[in-house]
Amino acid sequence: MSPSTRQNTLYKVTFHNHTKVYEVYARKVAASGLWGFTEVAELVFDVHEGLVVDPTEERLRDEFGNTKVLHLPMQSIIRVEEVERKGQSAIRDAATGEKVVTPFPMPAKPR
């Protein structure tokens, strides 16, 4: 595999995190130097100018945006897929599989 092909390789990583299932995209996935962990690096997020289009993407960027390498316990990983292009990142409820939607902040009710 040439270096440019490796650079363009994209993985969709699905893993358990507490009571949620996360779907994130990354450029590198490998066995970690930490025994029993998988290394996920170079996370890929959509970059939107101005208006936030996807609150889930924004939430994932807030949580993992400054992460250099994510070391995931092997037993938390559900699937690693090599994909041709990035889809929509997601956070799902582990029990139902439904997407977790962050409610739009509403002003407090007047007393």
PDB file of N, CA and C in Angstrom:
ATOM      1  N   MET A   1       0.849  -1.172   0.000  1.00  0.00           N
ATOM      2  CA  MET A   1       0.000   0.000   0.000  1.00  0.00           C
ATOM      3  C   MET A   1       0.895   1.235   0.000  1.00  0.00           C
ATOM      4  N   SER A   2       0.645   2.151  -0.905  1.00  0.00           N
ATOM      5  CA  SER A   2       1.463   3.351  -0.994  1.00  0.00           C
ATOM      6  C   SER A   2       1.129   4.312   0.139  1.00  0.00           C
ATOM      7  N   PRO A   3       2.059   5.221   0.502  1.00  0.00           N
ATOM      8  CA  PRO A   3       1.796   6.178   1.573  1.00  0.00           C
ATOM      9  C   PRO A   3       0.576   7.047   1.314  1.00  0.00           C
ATOM     10  N   SER A   4       0.338   7.446   0.043  1.00  0.00           N
ATOM     11  CA  SER A   4      -0.824   8.290  -0.238  1.00  0.00           C
ATOM     12  C   SER A   4      -2.123   7.520  -0.058  1.00  0.00           C
ATOM     13  N   THR A   5      -2.130   6.218  -0.391  1.00  0.00           N
ATOM     14  CA  THR A   5      -3.315   5.397  -0.188  1.00  0.00           C
ATOM     15  C   THR A   5      -3.587   5.241   1.300  1.00  0.00           C
ATOM     16  N   ARG A   6      -2.523   5.001   2.073  1.00  0.00           N
ATOM     17  CA  ARG A   6      -2.668   4.863   3.516  1.00  0.00           C
ATOM     18  C   ARG A   6      -3.211   6.152   4.134  1.00  0.00           C
ATOM     19  N   GLN A   7      -2.762   7.293   3.616  1.00  0.00           N
ATOM     20  CA  GLN A   7      -3.202   8.583   4.124  1.00  0.00           C
ATOM     21  C   GLN A   7      -4.694   8.797   3.882  1.00  0.00           C
ATOM     22  N   ASN A   8      -5.220   8.257   2.793  1.00  0.00           N
ATOM     23  CA  ASN A   8      -6.621   8.440   2.441  1.00  0.00           C
ATOM     24  C   ASN A   8      -7.533   7.360   3.024  1.00  0.00           C
ATOM     25  N   THR A   9      -6.955   6.343   3.665  1.00  0.00           N
ATOM     26  CA  THR A   9      -7.758   5.283   4.250  1.00  0.00           C
ATOM     27  C   THR A   9      -8.614   5.869   5.367  1.00  0.00           C
ATOM     28  N   LEU A  10      -9.876   5.471   5.399  1.00  0.00           N
ATOM     29  CA  LEU A  10     -10.808   5.985   6.397  1.00  0.00           C
ATOM     30  C   LEU A  10     -11.523   4.810   7.045  1.00  0.00           C
ATOM     31  N   TYR A  11     -11.615   4.851   8.367  1.00  0.00           N
ATOM     32  CA  TYR A  11     -12.262   3.790   9.120  1.00  0.00           C
ATOM     33  C   TYR A  11     -13.461   4.339   9.886  1.00  0.00           C
ATOM     34  N   LYS A  12     -14.507   3.549   9.923  1.00  0.00           N
ATOM     35  CA  LYS A  12     -15.654   3.836  10.782  1.00  0.00           C
ATOM     36  C   LYS A  12     -15.510   2.893  11.975  1.00  0.00           C
ATOM     37  N   VAL A  13     -15.395   3.469  13.164  1.00  0.00           N
ATOM     38  CA  VAL A  13     -15.191   2.682  14.383  1.00  0.00           C
ATOM     39  C   VAL A  13     -16.452   2.798  15.236  1.00  0.00           C
ATOM     40  N   THR A  14     -17.045   1.658  15.555  1.00  0.00           N
ATOM     41  CA  THR A  14     -18.250   1.612  16.387  1.00  0.00           C
ATOM     42  C   THR A  14     -17.881   0.962  17.705  1.00  0.00           C
ATOM     43  N   PHE A  15     -18.172   1.667  18.822  1.00  0.00           N
ATOM     44  CA  PHE A  15     -17.779   1.132  20.128  1.00  0.00           C
ATOM     45  C   PHE A  15     -18.765   1.540  21.220  1.00  0.00           C
ATOM     46  N   HIS A  16     -18.778   0.740  22.295  1.00  0.00           N
ATOM     47  CA  HIS A  16     -19.599   1.022  23.475  1.00  0.00           C
ATOM     48  C   HIS A  16     -18.891   2.036  24.352  1.00  0.00           C
ATOM     49  N   ASN A  17     -19.646   3.005  24.877  1.00  0.00           N
ATOM     50  CA  ASN A  17     -19.134   3.962  25.848  1.00  0.00           C
ATOM     51  C   ASN A  17     -20.259   4.205  26.846  1.00  0.00           C
ATOM     52  N   HIS A  18     -20.159   3.592  28.022  1.00  0.00           N
ATOM     53  CA  HIS A  18     -21.197   3.620  29.055  1.00  0.00           C
ATOM     54  C   HIS A  18     -22.476   3.024  28.485  1.00  0.00           C
ATOM     55  N   THR A  19     -23.558   3.739  28.437  1.00  0.00           N
ATOM     56  CA  THR A  19     -24.825   3.180  27.935  1.00  0.00           C
ATOM     57  C   THR A  19     -25.093   3.580  26.490  1.00  0.00           C
ATOM     58  N   LYS A  20     -24.067   4.065  25.804  1.00  0.00           N
ATOM     59  CA  LYS A  20     -24.212   4.558  24.431  1.00  0.00           C
ATOM     60  C   LYS A  20     -23.301   3.778  23.481  1.00  0.00           C
ATOM     61  N   VAL A  21     -23.655   3.817  22.212  1.00  0.00           N
ATOM     62  CA  VAL A  21     -22.813   3.273  21.150  1.00  0.00           C
ATOM     63  C   VAL A  21     -22.377   4.449  20.289  1.00  0.00           C
ATOM     64  N   TYR A  22     -21.071   4.642  20.163  1.00  0.00           N
ATOM     65  CA  TYR A  22     -20.508   5.744  19.388  1.00  0.00           C
ATOM     66  C   TYR A  22     -20.059   5.222  18.027  1.00  0.00           C
ATOM     67  N   GLU A  23     -20.282   6.041  17.003  1.00  0.00           N
ATOM     68  CA  GLU A  23     -19.773   5.768  15.653  1.00  0.00           C
ATOM     69  C   GLU A  23     -18.918   6.968  15.268  1.00  0.00           C
ATOM     70  N   VAL A  24     -17.615   6.758  15.151  1.00  0.00           N
ATOM     71  CA  VAL A  24     -16.696   7.835  14.795  1.00  0.00           C
ATOM     72  C   VAL A  24     -15.863   7.406  13.594  1.00  0.00           C
ATOM     73  N   TYR A  25     -15.242   8.380  12.942  1.00  0.00           N
ATOM     74  CA  TYR A  25     -14.392   8.121  11.785  1.00  0.00           C
ATOM     75  C   TYR A  25     -12.965   8.513  12.111  1.00  0.00           C
ATOM     76  N   ALA A  26     -12.014   7.695  11.635  1.00  0.00           N
ATOM     77  CA  ALA A  26     -10.601   7.935  11.929  1.00  0.00           C
ATOM     78  C   ALA A  26      -9.738   7.487  10.757  1.00  0.00           C
ATOM     79  N   ARG A  27      -8.558   8.065  10.673  1.00  0.00           N
ATOM     80  CA  ARG A  27      -7.604   7.705   9.615  1.00  0.00           C
ATOM     81  C   ARG A  27      -6.703   6.531  10.010  1.00  0.00           C
ATOM     82  N   LYS A  28      -6.519   6.311  11.322  1.00  0.00           N
ATOM     83  CA  LYS A  28      -5.622   5.241  11.770  1.00  0.00           C
ATOM     84  C   LYS A  28      -6.288   4.393  12.840  1.00  0.00           C
ATOM     85  N   VAL A  29      -6.195   3.074  12.687  1.00  0.00           N
ATOM     86  CA  VAL A  29      -6.641   2.115  13.689  1.00  0.00           C
ATOM     87  C   VAL A  29      -5.565   1.035  13.764  1.00  0.00           C
ATOM     88  N   ALA A  30      -5.099   0.735  14.994  1.00  0.00           N
ATOM     89  CA  ALA A  30      -4.030  -0.247  15.160  1.00  0.00           C
ATOM     90  C   ALA A  30      -4.080  -0.826  16.562  1.00  0.00           C
ATOM     91  N   ALA A  31      -3.338  -1.906  16.755  1.00  0.00           N
ATOM     92  CA  ALA A  31      -3.183  -2.455  18.103  1.00  0.00           C
ATOM     93  C   ALA A  31      -2.422  -1.420  18.925  1.00  0.00           C
ATOM     94  N   SER A  32      -2.869  -1.196  20.134  1.00  0.00           N
ATOM     95  CA  SER A  32      -2.258  -0.196  21.002  1.00  0.00           C
ATOM     96  C   SER A  32      -1.031  -0.759  21.704  1.00  0.00           C
ATOM     97  N   GLY A  33      -0.153   0.123  22.123  1.00  0.00           N
ATOM     98  CA  GLY A  33       0.981  -0.275  22.948  1.00  0.00           C
ATOM     99  C   GLY A  33       0.531  -0.662  24.346  1.00  0.00           C
ATOM    100  N   LEU A  34      -0.697  -0.260  24.706  1.00  0.00           N
ATOM    101  CA  LEU A  34      -1.288  -0.652  25.976  1.00  0.00           C
ATOM    102  C   LEU A  34      -1.984  -1.996  25.764  1.00  0.00           C
ATOM    103  N   TRP A  35      -1.614  -2.997  26.514  1.00  0.00           N
ATOM    104  CA  TRP A  35      -2.144  -4.340  26.322  1.00  0.00           C
ATOM    105  C   TRP A  35      -3.658  -4.355  26.486  1.00  0.00           C
ATOM    106  N   GLY A  36      -4.365  -4.963  25.520  1.00  0.00           N
ATOM    107  CA  GLY A  36      -5.812  -5.101  25.581  1.00  0.00           C
ATOM    108  C   GLY A  36      -6.582  -3.922  25.006  1.00  0.00           C
ATOM    109  N   PHE A  37      -5.873  -2.974  24.407  1.00  0.00           N
ATOM    110  CA  PHE A  37      -6.525  -1.790  23.861  1.00  0.00           C
ATOM    111  C   PHE A  37      -6.284  -1.689  22.364  1.00  0.00           C
ATOM    112  N   THR A  38      -7.171  -0.975  21.686  1.00  0.00           N
ATOM    113  CA  THR A  38      -7.022  -0.658  20.269  1.00  0.00           C
ATOM    114  C   THR A  38      -6.835   0.842  20.157  1.00  0.00           C
ATOM    115  N   GLU A  39      -5.901   1.241  19.325  1.00  0.00           N
ATOM    116  CA  GLU A  39      -5.559   2.655  19.148  1.00  0.00           C
ATOM    117  C   GLU A  39      -6.332   3.222  17.962  1.00  0.00           C
ATOM    118  N   VAL A  40      -7.045   4.302  18.200  1.00  0.00           N
ATOM    119  CA  VAL A  40      -7.792   4.990  17.143  1.00  0.00           C
ATOM    120  C   VAL A  40      -7.266   6.419  17.108  1.00  0.00           C
ATOM    121  N   ALA A  41      -6.690   6.825  15.967  1.00  0.00           N
ATOM    122  CA  ALA A  41      -6.051   8.142  15.881  1.00  0.00           C
ATOM    123  C   ALA A  41      -6.520   8.894  14.648  1.00  0.00           C
ATOM    124  N   GLU A  42      -6.227  10.191  14.645  1.00  0.00           N
ATOM    125  CA  GLU A  42      -6.602  11.098  13.562  1.00  0.00           C
ATOM    126  C   GLU A  42      -8.102  11.037  13.295  1.00  0.00           C
ATOM    127  N   LEU A  43      -8.873  11.348  14.335  1.00  0.00           N
ATOM    128  CA  LEU A  43     -10.321  11.373  14.204  1.00  0.00           C
ATOM    129  C   LEU A  43     -10.738  12.420  13.176  1.00  0.00           C
ATOM    130  N   VAL A  44     -11.770  12.112  12.413  1.00  0.00           N
ATOM    131  CA  VAL A  44     -12.232  12.986  11.332  1.00  0.00           C
ATOM    132  C   VAL A  44     -13.608  13.537  11.703  1.00  0.00           C
ATOM    133  N   PHE A  45     -13.713  14.865  11.675  1.00  0.00           N
ATOM    134  CA  PHE A  45     -14.977  15.541  11.952  1.00  0.00           C
ATOM    135  C   PHE A  45     -15.324  16.440  10.783  1.00  0.00           C
ATOM    136  N   ASP A  46     -16.643  16.635  10.544  1.00  0.00           N
ATOM    137  CA  ASP A  46     -17.077  17.590   9.524  1.00  0.00           C
ATOM    138  C   ASP A  46     -16.758  18.989  10.019  1.00  0.00           C
ATOM    139  N   VAL A  47     -16.335  19.842   9.116  1.00  0.00           N
ATOM    140  CA  VAL A  47     -16.065  21.228   9.467  1.00  0.00           C
ATOM    141  C   VAL A  47     -17.123  22.084   8.786  1.00  0.00           C
ATOM    142  N   HIS A  48     -17.941  22.716   9.585  1.00  0.00           N
ATOM    143  CA  HIS A  48     -19.002  23.570   9.058  1.00  0.00           C
ATOM    144  C   HIS A  48     -18.694  25.007   9.432  1.00  0.00           C
ATOM    145  N   GLU A  49     -18.888  25.893   8.509  1.00  0.00           N
ATOM    146  CA  GLU A  49     -18.724  27.322   8.788  1.00  0.00           C
ATOM    147  C   GLU A  49     -20.039  27.865   9.314  1.00  0.00           C
ATOM    148  N   GLY A  50     -19.983  28.621  10.384  1.00  0.00           N
ATOM    149  CA  GLY A  50     -21.176  29.299  10.888  1.00  0.00           C
ATOM    150  C   GLY A  50     -22.137  28.379  11.593  1.00  0.00           C
ATOM    151  N   LEU A  51     -23.304  28.161  11.022  1.00  0.00           N
ATOM    152  CA  LEU A  51     -24.397  27.438  11.638  1.00  0.00           C
ATOM    153  C   LEU A  51     -24.050  25.970  11.859  1.00  0.00           C
ATOM    154  N   VAL A  52     -24.358  25.437  13.037  1.00  0.00           N
ATOM    155  CA  VAL A  52     -24.140  24.028  13.331  1.00  0.00           C
ATOM    156  C   VAL A  52     -25.260  23.219  12.693  1.00  0.00           C
ATOM    157  N   VAL A  53     -24.881  22.311  11.805  1.00  0.00           N
ATOM    158  CA  VAL A  53     -25.865  21.523  11.084  1.00  0.00           C
ATOM    159  C   VAL A  53     -26.199  20.245  11.850  1.00  0.00           C
ATOM    160  N   ASP A  54     -25.197  19.606  12.464  1.00  0.00           N
ATOM    161  CA  ASP A  54     -25.378  18.333  13.130  1.00  0.00           C
ATOM    162  C   ASP A  54     -24.939  18.435  14.592  1.00  0.00           C
ATOM    163  N   PRO A  55     -25.883  18.468  15.545  1.00  0.00           N
ATOM    164  CA  PRO A  55     -25.502  18.589  16.949  1.00  0.00           C
ATOM    165  C   PRO A  55     -24.711  17.394  17.458  1.00  0.00           C
ATOM    166  N   THR A  56     -24.936  16.197  16.898  1.00  0.00           N
ATOM    167  CA  THR A  56     -24.175  15.020  17.315  1.00  0.00           C
ATOM    168  C   THR A  56     -22.713  15.175  16.937  1.00  0.00           C
ATOM    169  N   GLU A  57     -22.459  15.643  15.739  1.00  0.00           N
ATOM    170  CA  GLU A  57     -21.079  15.874  15.285  1.00  0.00           C
ATOM    171  C   GLU A  57     -20.403  16.905  16.189  1.00  0.00           C
ATOM    172  N   GLU A  58     -21.145  17.938  16.545  1.00  0.00           N
ATOM    173  CA  GLU A  58     -20.621  18.975  17.430  1.00  0.00           C
ATOM    174  C   GLU A  58     -20.299  18.392  18.807  1.00  0.00           C
ATOM    175  N   ARG A  59     -21.179  17.542  19.307  1.00  0.00           N
ATOM    176  CA  ARG A  59     -20.956  16.904  20.617  1.00  0.00           C
ATOM    177  C   ARG A  59     -19.718  16.008  20.589  1.00  0.00           C
ATOM    178  N   LEU A  60     -19.549  15.233  19.519  1.00  0.00           N
ATOM    179  CA  LEU A  60     -18.371  14.376  19.391  1.00  0.00           C
ATOM    180  C   LEU A  60     -17.095  15.214  19.267  1.00  0.00           C
ATOM    181  N   ARG A  61     -17.175  16.315  18.529  1.00  0.00           N
ATOM    182  CA  ARG A  61     -16.018  17.203  18.387  1.00  0.00           C
ATOM    183  C   ARG A  61     -15.651  17.813  19.739  1.00  0.00           C
ATOM    184  N   ASP A  62     -16.665  18.185  20.530  1.00  0.00           N
ATOM    185  CA  ASP A  62     -16.408  18.723  21.867  1.00  0.00           C
ATOM    186  C   ASP A  62     -15.739  17.680  22.757  1.00  0.00           C
ATOM    187  N   GLU A  63     -16.205  16.429  22.650  1.00  0.00           N
ATOM    188  CA  GLU A  63     -15.677  15.369  23.506  1.00  0.00           C
ATOM    189  C   GLU A  63     -14.303  14.880  23.069  1.00  0.00           C
ATOM    190  N   PHE A  64     -14.085  14.742  21.759  1.00  0.00           N
ATOM    191  CA  PHE A  64     -12.858  14.122  21.255  1.00  0.00           C
ATOM    192  C   PHE A  64     -11.995  15.043  20.398  1.00  0.00           C
ATOM    193  N   GLY A  65     -12.374  16.299  20.236  1.00  0.00           N
ATOM    194  CA  GLY A  65     -11.668  17.214  19.341  1.00  0.00           C
ATOM    195  C   GLY A  65     -10.195  17.406  19.654  1.00  0.00           C
ATOM    196  N   ASN A  66      -9.817  17.390  20.917  1.00  0.00           N
ATOM    197  CA  ASN A  66      -8.413  17.572  21.299  1.00  0.00           C
ATOM    198  C   ASN A  66      -7.695  16.256  21.568  1.00  0.00           C
ATOM    199  N   THR A  67      -8.330  15.145  21.223  1.00  0.00           N
ATOM    200  CA  THR A  67      -7.757  13.824  21.476  1.00  0.00           C
ATOM    201  C   THR A  67      -6.762  13.469  20.369  1.00  0.00           C
ATOM    202  N   LYS A  68      -5.522  13.190  20.767  1.00  0.00           N
ATOM    203  CA  LYS A  68      -4.519  12.767  19.789  1.00  0.00           C
ATOM    204  C   LYS A  68      -4.733  11.307  19.417  1.00  0.00           C
ATOM    205  N   VAL A  69      -4.856  10.447  20.435  1.00  0.00           N
ATOM    206  CA  VAL A  69      -5.053   9.017  20.218  1.00  0.00           C
ATOM    207  C   VAL A  69      -6.087   8.530  21.225  1.00  0.00           C
ATOM    208  N   LEU A  70      -7.052   7.801  20.738  1.00  0.00           N
ATOM    209  CA  LEU A  70      -8.086   7.216  21.583  1.00  0.00           C
ATOM    210  C   LEU A  70      -7.708   5.752  21.792  1.00  0.00           C
ATOM    211  N   HIS A  71      -7.493   5.337  23.035  1.00  0.00           N
ATOM    212  CA  HIS A  71      -7.178   3.942  23.350  1.00  0.00           C
ATOM    213  C   HIS A  71      -8.452   3.303  23.874  1.00  0.00           C
ATOM    214  N   LEU A  72      -9.051   2.433  23.064  1.00  0.00           N
ATOM    215  CA  LEU A  72     -10.319   1.796  23.427  1.00  0.00           C
ATOM    216  C   LEU A  72     -10.076   0.364  23.876  1.00  0.00           C
ATOM    217  N   PRO A  73     -10.700  -0.056  24.987  1.00  0.00           N
ATOM    218  CA  PRO A  73     -10.589  -1.465  25.380  1.00  0.00           C
ATOM    219  C   PRO A  73     -11.135  -2.342  24.259  1.00  0.00           C
ATOM    220  N   MET A  74     -10.423  -3.420  23.960  1.00  0.00           N
ATOM    221  CA  MET A  74     -10.838  -4.273  22.840  1.00  0.00           C
ATOM    222  C   MET A  74     -12.272  -4.768  22.988  1.00  0.00           C
ATOM    223  N   GLN A  75     -12.713  -5.054  24.225  1.00  0.00           N
ATOM    224  CA  GLN A  75     -14.065  -5.581  24.417  1.00  0.00           C
ATOM    225  C   GLN A  75     -15.144  -4.531  24.193  1.00  0.00           C
ATOM    226  N   SER A  76     -14.782  -3.245  24.130  1.00  0.00           N
ATOM    227  CA  SER A  76     -15.790  -2.209  23.885  1.00  0.00           C
ATOM    228  C   SER A  76     -16.035  -1.998  22.393  1.00  0.00           C
ATOM    229  N   ILE A  77     -15.139  -2.492  21.555  1.00  0.00           N
ATOM    230  CA  ILE A  77     -15.273  -2.276  20.108  1.00  0.00           C
ATOM    231  C   ILE A  77     -16.263  -3.269  19.517  1.00  0.00           C
ATOM    232  N   ILE A  78     -17.237  -2.733  18.808  1.00  0.00           N
ATOM    233  CA  ILE A  78     -18.241  -3.558  18.142  1.00  0.00           C
ATOM    234  C   ILE A  78     -17.776  -3.901  16.732  1.00  0.00           C
ATOM    235  N   ARG A  79     -17.272  -2.878  16.016  1.00  0.00           N
ATOM    236  CA  ARG A  79     -16.906  -3.085  14.612  1.00  0.00           C
ATOM    237  C   ARG A  79     -15.939  -2.004  14.161  1.00  0.00           C
ATOM    238  N   VAL A  80     -15.030  -2.392  13.253  1.00  0.00           N
ATOM    239  CA  VAL A  80     -14.168  -1.442  12.558  1.00  0.00           C
ATOM    240  C   VAL A  80     -14.351  -1.715  11.075  1.00  0.00           C
ATOM    241  N   GLU A  81     -14.771  -0.688  10.342  1.00  0.00           N
ATOM    242  CA  GLU A  81     -15.008  -0.837   8.905  1.00  0.00           C
ATOM    243  C   GLU A  81     -14.111   0.116   8.141  1.00  0.00           C
ATOM    244  N   GLU A  82     -13.502  -0.366   7.072  1.00  0.00           N
ATOM    245  CA  GLU A  82     -12.780   0.529   6.161  1.00  0.00           C
ATOM    246  C   GLU A  82     -13.816   1.024   5.164  1.00  0.00           C
ATOM    247  N   VAL A  83     -13.984   2.336   5.068  1.00  0.00           N
ATOM    248  CA  VAL A  83     -15.020   2.918   4.222  1.00  0.00           C
ATOM    249  C   VAL A  83     -14.392   3.840   3.171  1.00  0.00           C
ATOM    250  N   GLU A  84     -15.149   4.105   2.113  1.00  0.00           N
ATOM    251  CA  GLU A  84     -14.651   4.975   1.052  1.00  0.00           C
ATOM    252  C   GLU A  84     -14.831   6.447   1.366  1.00  0.00           C
ATOM    253  N   ARG A  85     -15.919   6.779   2.079  1.00  0.00           N
ATOM    254  CA  ARG A  85     -16.146   8.185   2.427  1.00  0.00           C
ATOM    255  C   ARG A  85     -16.829   8.268   3.790  1.00  0.00           C
ATOM    256  N   LYS A  86     -16.720   9.425   4.387  1.00  0.00           N
ATOM    257  CA  LYS A  86     -17.269   9.650   5.714  1.00  0.00           C
ATOM    258  C   LYS A  86     -18.783   9.768   5.647  1.00  0.00           C
ATOM    259  N   GLY A  87     -19.438   9.078   6.538  1.00  0.00           N
ATOM    260  CA  GLY A  87     -20.876   9.215   6.703  1.00  0.00           C
ATOM    261  C   GLY A  87     -21.142  10.091   7.914  1.00  0.00           C
ATOM    262  N   GLN A  88     -22.317   9.986   8.438  1.00  0.00           N
ATOM    263  CA  GLN A  88     -22.685  10.789   9.595  1.00  0.00           C
ATOM    264  C   GLN A  88     -22.257  10.067  10.869  1.00  0.00           C
ATOM    265  N   SER A  89     -21.496  10.748  11.711  1.00  0.00           N
ATOM    266  CA  SER A  89     -21.139  10.195  13.010  1.00  0.00           C
ATOM    267  C   SER A  89     -22.402  10.112  13.849  1.00  0.00           C
ATOM    268  N   ALA A  90     -22.414   9.192  14.824  1.00  0.00           N
ATOM    269  CA  ALA A  90     -23.640   9.024  15.600  1.00  0.00           C
ATOM    270  C   ALA A  90     -23.327   8.607  17.024  1.00  0.00           C
ATOM    271  N   ILE A  91     -24.274   8.898  17.900  1.00  0.00           N
ATOM    272  CA  ILE A  91     -24.292   8.370  19.251  1.00  0.00           C
ATOM    273  C   ILE A  91     -25.656   7.724  19.393  1.00  0.00           C
ATOM    274  N   ARG A  92     -25.667   6.435  19.706  1.00  0.00           N
ATOM    275  CA  ARG A  92     -26.921   5.693  19.802  1.00  0.00           C
ATOM    276  C   ARG A  92     -27.107   5.146  21.217  1.00  0.00           C
ATOM    277  N   ASP A  93     -28.354   4.928  21.590  1.00  0.00           N
ATOM    278  CA  ASP A  93     -28.646   4.264  22.846  1.00  0.00           C
ATOM    279  C   ASP A  93     -28.287   2.792  22.668  1.00  0.00           C
ATOM    280  N   ALA A  94     -27.508   2.232  23.588  1.00  0.00           N
ATOM    281  CA  ALA A  94     -27.045   0.850  23.446  1.00  0.00           C
ATOM    282  C   ALA A  94     -28.201  -0.141  23.506  1.00  0.00           C
ATOM    283  N   ALA A  95     -29.233   0.142  24.281  1.00  0.00           N
ATOM    284  CA  ALA A  95     -30.350  -0.794  24.437  1.00  0.00           C
ATOM    285  C   ALA A  95     -31.280  -0.794  23.233  1.00  0.00           C
ATOM    286  N   THR A  96     -31.621   0.391  22.722  1.00  0.00           N
ATOM    287  CA  THR A  96     -32.620   0.475  21.653  1.00  0.00           C
ATOM    288  C   THR A  96     -32.013   0.643  20.262  1.00  0.00           C
ATOM    289  N   GLY A  97     -30.781   1.162  20.198  1.00  0.00           N
ATOM    290  CA  GLY A  97     -30.157   1.419  18.905  1.00  0.00           C
ATOM    291  C   GLY A  97     -30.585   2.730  18.282  1.00  0.00           C
ATOM    292  N   GLU A  98     -31.481   3.450  18.945  1.00  0.00           N
ATOM    293  CA  GLU A  98     -31.953   4.728  18.412  1.00  0.00           C
ATOM    294  C   GLU A  98     -30.914   5.808  18.640  1.00  0.00           C
ATOM    295  N   LYS A  99     -30.849   6.738  17.694  1.00  0.00           N
ATOM    296  CA  LYS A  99     -29.923   7.854  17.827  1.00  0.00           C
ATOM    297  C   LYS A  99     -30.296   8.695  19.036  1.00  0.00           C
ATOM    298  N   VAL A 100     -29.273   9.091  19.760  1.00  0.00           N
ATOM    299  CA  VAL A 100     -29.473   9.959  20.911  1.00  0.00           C
ATOM    300  C   VAL A 100     -29.468  11.375  20.382  1.00  0.00           C
ATOM    301  N   VAL A 101     -30.579  12.055  20.565  1.00  0.00           N
ATOM    302  CA  VAL A 101     -30.704  13.422  20.076  1.00  0.00           C
ATOM    303  C   VAL A 101     -30.545  14.356  21.262  1.00  0.00           C
ATOM    304  N   THR A 102     -29.589  15.260  21.153  1.00  0.00           N
ATOM    305  CA  THR A 102     -29.407  16.249  22.196  1.00  0.00           C
ATOM    306  C   THR A 102     -30.502  17.284  22.048  1.00  0.00           C
ATOM    307  N   PRO A 103     -31.324  17.469  23.090  1.00  0.00           N
ATOM    308  CA  PRO A 103     -32.411  18.435  22.950  1.00  0.00           C
ATOM    309  C   PRO A 103     -31.877  19.851  22.803  1.00  0.00           C
ATOM    310  N   PHE A 104     -32.599  20.631  22.022  1.00  0.00           N
ATOM    311  CA  PHE A 104     -32.232  22.028  21.825  1.00  0.00           C
ATOM    312  C   PHE A 104     -32.448  22.755  23.144  1.00  0.00           C
ATOM    313  N   PRO A 105     -31.471  23.535  23.591  1.00  0.00           N
ATOM    314  CA  PRO A 105     -31.637  24.215  24.890  1.00  0.00           C
ATOM    315  C   PRO A 105     -32.835  25.170  24.853  1.00  0.00           C
ATOM    316  N   MET A 106     -33.685  25.014  25.832  1.00  0.00           N
ATOM    317  CA  MET A 106     -34.873  25.852  25.932  1.00  0.00           C
ATOM    318  C   MET A 106     -34.689  26.806  27.123  1.00  0.00           C
ATOM    319  N   PRO A 107     -35.246  28.007  27.030  1.00  0.00           N
ATOM    320  CA  PRO A 107     -35.136  28.915  28.175  1.00  0.00           C
ATOM    321  C   PRO A 107     -35.911  28.340  29.364  1.00  0.00           C
ATOM    322  N   ALA A 108     -35.475  28.698  30.561  1.00  0.00           N
ATOM    323  CA  ALA A 108     -36.142  28.234  31.765  1.00  0.00           C
ATOM    324  C   ALA A 108     -37.570  28.763  31.813  1.00  0.00           C
ATOM    325  N   LYS A 109     -38.462  27.962  32.361  1.00  0.00           N
ATOM    326  CA  LYS A 109     -39.856  28.391  32.482  1.00  0.00           C
ATOM    327  C   LYS A 109     -39.964  29.503  33.529  1.00  0.00           C
ATOM    328  N   PRO A 110     -40.726  30.527  33.237  1.00  0.00           N
ATOM    329  CA  PRO A 110     -40.887  31.598  34.232  1.00  0.00           C
ATOM    330  C   PRO A 110     -41.655  31.081  35.443  1.00  0.00           C
ATOM    331  N   ARG A 111     -41.330  31.636  36.582  1.00  0.00           N
ATOM    332  CA  ARG A 111     -41.998  31.193  37.821  1.00  0.00           C
ATOM    333  C   ARG A 111     -43.175  32.052  38.134  1.00  0.00           C
TER     334      ARG A 111
END
